[in-house]
C-alpha atoms as a PDB file:
ATOM      1  CA  MET A   1       0.000   0.000   0.000  1.00  0.00           C
ATOM      2  CA  VAL A   2       2.742   2.460   0.909  1.00  0.00           C
ATOM      3  CA  THR A   3       4.725   1.806  -2.258  1.00  0.00           C
ATOM      4  CA  THR A   4       1.616   2.513  -4.348  1.00  0.00           C
ATOM      5  CA  ILE A   5       1.204   5.932  -2.768  1.00  0.00           C
ATOM      6  CA  ILE A   6       4.898   6.744  -3.136  1.00  0.00           C
ATOM      7  CA  TRP A   7       4.854   6.025  -6.896  1.00  0.00           C
ATOM      8  CA  LEU A   8       1.519   7.763  -7.523  1.00  0.00           C
ATOM      9  CA  GLY A   9       2.965  11.291  -7.254  1.00  0.00           C
ATOM     10  CA  PRO A  10       5.706  10.961  -9.882  1.00  0.00           C
ATOM     11  CA  VAL A  11       3.384   9.084 -12.247  1.00  0.00           C
ATOM     12  CA  LEU A  12       0.692  11.762 -12.020  1.00  0.00           C
ATOM     13  CA  THR A  13       3.322  14.471 -12.451  1.00  0.00           C
ATOM     14  CA  ALA A  14       4.633  12.764 -15.590  1.00  0.00           C
ATOM     15  CA  VAL A  15       1.109  12.430 -17.005  1.00  0.00           C
ATOM     16  CA  VAL A  16       0.305  16.098 -16.356  1.00  0.00           C
ATOM     17  CA  LEU A  17       3.660  17.166 -17.820  1.00  0.00           C
ATOM     18  CA  ALA A  18       3.061  15.069 -20.934  1.00  0.00           C
ATOM     19  CA  LEU A  19      -0.394  16.616 -21.302  1.00  0.00           C
ATOM     20  CA  LEU A  20       1.039  20.121 -20.959  1.00  0.00           C
ATOM     21  CA  ILE A  21       3.733  19.390 -23.536  1.00  0.00           C
ATOM     22  CA  PHE A  22       1.124  18.003 -25.931  1.00  0.00           C
ATOM     23  CA  LEU A  23      -1.060  21.094 -25.478  1.00  0.00           C
ATOM     24  CA  ALA A  24       1.929  23.401 -25.908  1.00  0.00           C
ATOM     25  CA  ILE A  25       2.878  21.698 -29.179  1.00  0.00           C
ATOM     26  CA  THR A  26      -0.706  21.708 -30.422  1.00  0.00           C
ATOM     27  CA  PHE A  27      -1.570  25.269 -29.441  1.00  0.00           C
ATOM     28  CA  GLY A  28       1.989  26.575 -29.193  1.00  0.00           C
ATOM     29  CA  LYS A  29       1.701  29.976 -30.750  1.00  0.00           C
ATOM     30  CA  ASP A  30      -1.562  30.820 -29.011  1.00  0.00           C
ATOM     31  CA  ILE A  31      -0.271  29.753 -25.598  1.00  0.00           C
ATOM     32  CA  VAL A  32       2.929  31.762 -25.992  1.00  0.00           C
ATOM     33  CA  TRP A  33       0.973  34.919 -26.836  1.00  0.00           C
ATOM     34  CA  LEU A  34      -1.411  34.304 -23.936  1.00  0.00           C
ATOM     35  CA  ILE A  35       1.504  33.931 -21.526  1.00  0.00           C
ATOM     36  CA  ILE A  36       3.235  37.053 -22.867  1.00  0.00           C
ATOM     37  CA  ASN A  37       0.004  39.065 -22.650  1.00  0.00           C
ATOM     38  CA  SER A  38      -0.602  37.831 -19.100  1.00  0.00           C
ATOM     39  CA  LEU A  39       2.928  38.689 -17.957  1.00  0.00           C
ATOM     40  CA  ILE A  40       2.747  42.163 -19.485  1.00  0.00           C
ATOM     41  CA  GLY A  41      -0.599  42.690 -17.786  1.00  0.00           C
ATOM     42  CA  LEU A  42       0.702  41.591 -14.383  1.00  0.00           C
ATOM     43  CA  VAL A  43       3.771  43.824 -14.633  1.00  0.00           C
ATOM     44  CA  ALA A  44       1.574  46.733 -15.717  1.00  0.00           C
ATOM     45  CA  LEU A  45      -0.756  46.093 -12.767  1.00  0.00           C
ATOM     46  CA  VAL A  46       2.103  46.378 -10.301  1.00  0.00           C
ATOM     47  CA  ILE A  47       3.580  49.470 -11.990  1.00  0.00           C
ATOM     48  CA  ILE A  48       0.222  51.240 -12.345  1.00  0.00           C
ATOM     49  CA  ASN A  49      -0.546  50.609  -8.694  1.00  0.00           C
ATOM     50  CA  PHE A  50       2.331  52.978  -7.790  1.00  0.00           C
ATOM     51  CA  LEU A  51       0.568  55.930  -9.453  1.00  0.00           C
ATOM     52  CA  PRO A  52      -0.958  58.236  -6.842  1.00  0.00           C
ATOM     53  CA  MET A  53      -4.394  58.640  -8.429  1.00  0.00           C
ATOM     54  CA  ILE A  54      -4.958  54.934  -9.119  1.00  0.00           C
ATOM     55  CA  ASN A  55      -5.416  52.576  -6.187  1.00  0.00           C
ATOM     56  CA  ILE A  56      -6.235  49.106  -7.461  1.00  0.00           C
ATOM     57  CA  THR A  57      -6.264  46.458  -4.763  1.00  0.00           C
ATOM     58  CA  ILE A  58      -4.186  43.512  -5.872  1.00  0.00           C
ATOM     59  CA  ASN A  59      -6.262  40.473  -4.958  1.00  0.00           C
ATOM     60  CA  ILE A  60      -7.280  37.259  -6.664  1.00  0.00           C
ATOM     61  CA  TRP A  61     -10.037  38.948  -8.716  1.00  0.00           C
ATOM     62  CA  SER A  62      -7.875  41.734 -10.107  1.00  0.00           C
ATOM     63  CA  ILE A  63      -5.122  39.235 -10.919  1.00  0.00           C
ATOM     64  CA  LEU A  64      -7.582  36.946 -12.733  1.00  0.00           C
ATOM     65  CA  ILE A  65      -8.965  39.888 -14.723  1.00  0.00           C
ATOM     66  CA  VAL A  66      -5.448  40.891 -15.759  1.00  0.00           C
ATOM     67  CA  VAL A  67      -4.276  37.338 -16.520  1.00  0.00           C
ATOM     68  CA  PHE A  68      -7.257  36.545 -18.733  1.00  0.00           C
ATOM     69  CA  GLY A  69      -7.695  40.061 -20.093  1.00  0.00           C
ATOM     70  CA  GLY A  70      -4.115  41.260 -20.428  1.00  0.00           C
ATOM     71  CA  ILE A  71      -3.838  44.901 -21.452  1.00  0.00           C
ATOM     72  CA  PRO A  72      -7.609  45.315 -21.979  1.00  0.00           C
ATOM     73  CA  GLY A  73      -8.048  43.860 -18.480  1.00  0.00           C
ATOM     74  CA  ILE A  74      -5.748  46.566 -17.093  1.00  0.00           C
ATOM     75  CA  ALA A  75      -7.776  49.199 -18.937  1.00  0.00           C
ATOM     76  CA  LEU A  76     -10.963  47.763 -17.436  1.00  0.00           C
ATOM     77  CA  LEU A  77      -9.524  47.842 -13.914  1.00  0.00           C
ATOM     78  CA  ILE A  78      -8.329  51.435 -14.332  1.00  0.00           C
ATOM     79  CA  LEU A  79     -11.722  52.477 -15.671  1.00  0.00           C
ATOM     80  CA  LEU A  80     -13.534  50.775 -12.787  1.00  0.00           C
ATOM     81  CA  ASP A  81     -11.187  52.398 -10.288  1.00  0.00           C
ATOM     82  CA  LEU A  82     -11.531  55.888 -11.745  1.00  0.00           C
ATOM     83  CA  LEU A  83     -15.338  55.596 -11.851  1.00  0.00           C
ATOM     84  CA  GLY A  84     -15.365  54.343  -8.266  1.00  0.00           C
ATOM     85  CA  ILE A  85     -17.311  51.218  -9.143  1.00  0.00           C
ATOM     86  CA  ALA A  86     -14.824  48.693  -7.803  1.00  0.00           C
ATOM     87  CA  PHE A  87     -11.658  48.503  -5.729  1.00  0.00           C
END
């Protein structure tokens, strides 16, 4: 029983890694652009938060908006902050 549990972790990790590699090969260009857009959005979120007139709370919701929205997500957060609707 113990040896089954010990080997389950590396096997599941290998399966998930193989699935990620397959998806990266299949959708390679789209995934790379999504990752680049997400990273640019996250960096912009941190930099924009230093501006005195914009106070966006960095929490799970703002991060998810930026990761899935990228630059348009940042624009949405800034607009919501300036209108006083959220954050």
